[in-house]
Amino acid sequence: MKLFAWLTETFIATFGITRPRPEQEKTAQLIIGGFLLAFILLAGGVIVFLLIAIHLGHAH
């Protein structure tokens, strides 16, 4: 959960959006942090896939 909290704080600081109310903080961390983590993992997966595809393409 600390990862989600850090991702959420980074997102809020970067884009300057309004901070969630204290009672909404856990929900915001789950949603924003979850989407950001999913995006980072997806982007990393695509990059790794493309690098492997390029490497295998040059092997032939």
Protein backbone atom coordinates (compact mmCIF):
# COMPACT_ATOMS: atom_id res chain seq x y z
CA MET A 1 0.00 0.00 0.00
CA LYS A 2 2.99 2.30 0.50
CA LEU A 3 3.73 1.98 -3.22
CA PHE A 4 0.20 3.16 -4.07
CA ALA A 5 0.55 6.04 -1.60
CA TRP A 6 3.86 7.10 -3.15
CA LEU A 7 2.49 6.84 -6.71
CA THR A 8 -0.57 8.86 -5.74
CA GLU A 9 1.48 11.57 -4.03
CA THR A 10 3.78 11.76 -7.06
CA PHE A 11 0.81 12.02 -9.42
CA ILE A 12 -0.85 14.74 -7.34
CA ALA A 13 2.38 16.73 -7.05
CA THR A 14 3.18 16.37 -10.76
CA PHE A 15 -0.21 17.34 -12.16
CA GLY A 16 -1.35 19.63 -9.34
CA ILE A 17 -4.76 18.07 -8.91
CA THR A 18 -6.85 18.69 -5.82
CA ARG A 19 -5.94 16.45 -2.90
CA PRO A 20 -8.61 13.96 -1.83
CA ARG A 21 -10.38 14.50 1.48
CA PRO A 22 -8.95 12.44 4.34
CA GLU A 23 -11.88 9.99 4.23
CA GLN A 24 -11.33 9.48 0.48
CA GLU A 25 -7.56 9.11 0.68
CA LYS A 26 -7.43 5.28 0.77
CA THR A 27 -9.84 4.98 -2.16
CA ALA A 28 -7.89 7.56 -4.18
CA GLN A 29 -4.62 5.74 -3.45
CA LEU A 30 -6.12 2.46 -4.58
CA ILE A 31 -7.57 3.87 -7.80
CA ILE A 32 -4.83 6.30 -8.87
CA GLY A 33 -1.96 4.16 -7.61
CA GLY A 34 -3.47 1.03 -9.15
CA PHE A 35 -3.94 2.60 -12.56
CA LEU A 36 -0.45 4.11 -12.53
CA LEU A 37 1.15 0.82 -11.50
CA ALA A 38 -0.80 -1.04 -14.18
CA PHE A 39 0.27 1.53 -16.79
CA ILE A 40 3.93 1.32 -15.75
CA LEU A 41 3.88 -2.48 -15.87
CA LEU A 42 2.09 -2.50 -19.23
CA ALA A 43 4.53 0.02 -20.73
CA GLY A 44 7.48 -1.97 -19.38
CA GLY A 45 6.04 -5.18 -20.82
CA VAL A 46 5.59 -3.60 -24.24
CA ILE A 47 9.15 -2.28 -24.21
CA VAL A 48 10.57 -5.67 -23.22
CA PHE A 49 8.46 -7.39 -25.88
CA LEU A 50 9.66 -4.98 -28.57
CA LEU A 51 13.29 -5.36 -27.53
CA ILE A 52 13.00 -9.15 -27.67
CA ALA A 53 11.23 -8.99 -31.04
CA ILE A 54 13.95 -6.73 -32.45
CA HIS A 55 16.68 -8.99 -31.08
CA LEU A 56 15.08 -12.14 -32.53
CA GLY A 57 14.49 -10.40 -35.85
CA HIS A 58 18.18 -9.62 -36.20
CA ALA A 59 19.18 -13.19 -35.37
CA HIS A 60 17.81 -14.52 -38.65
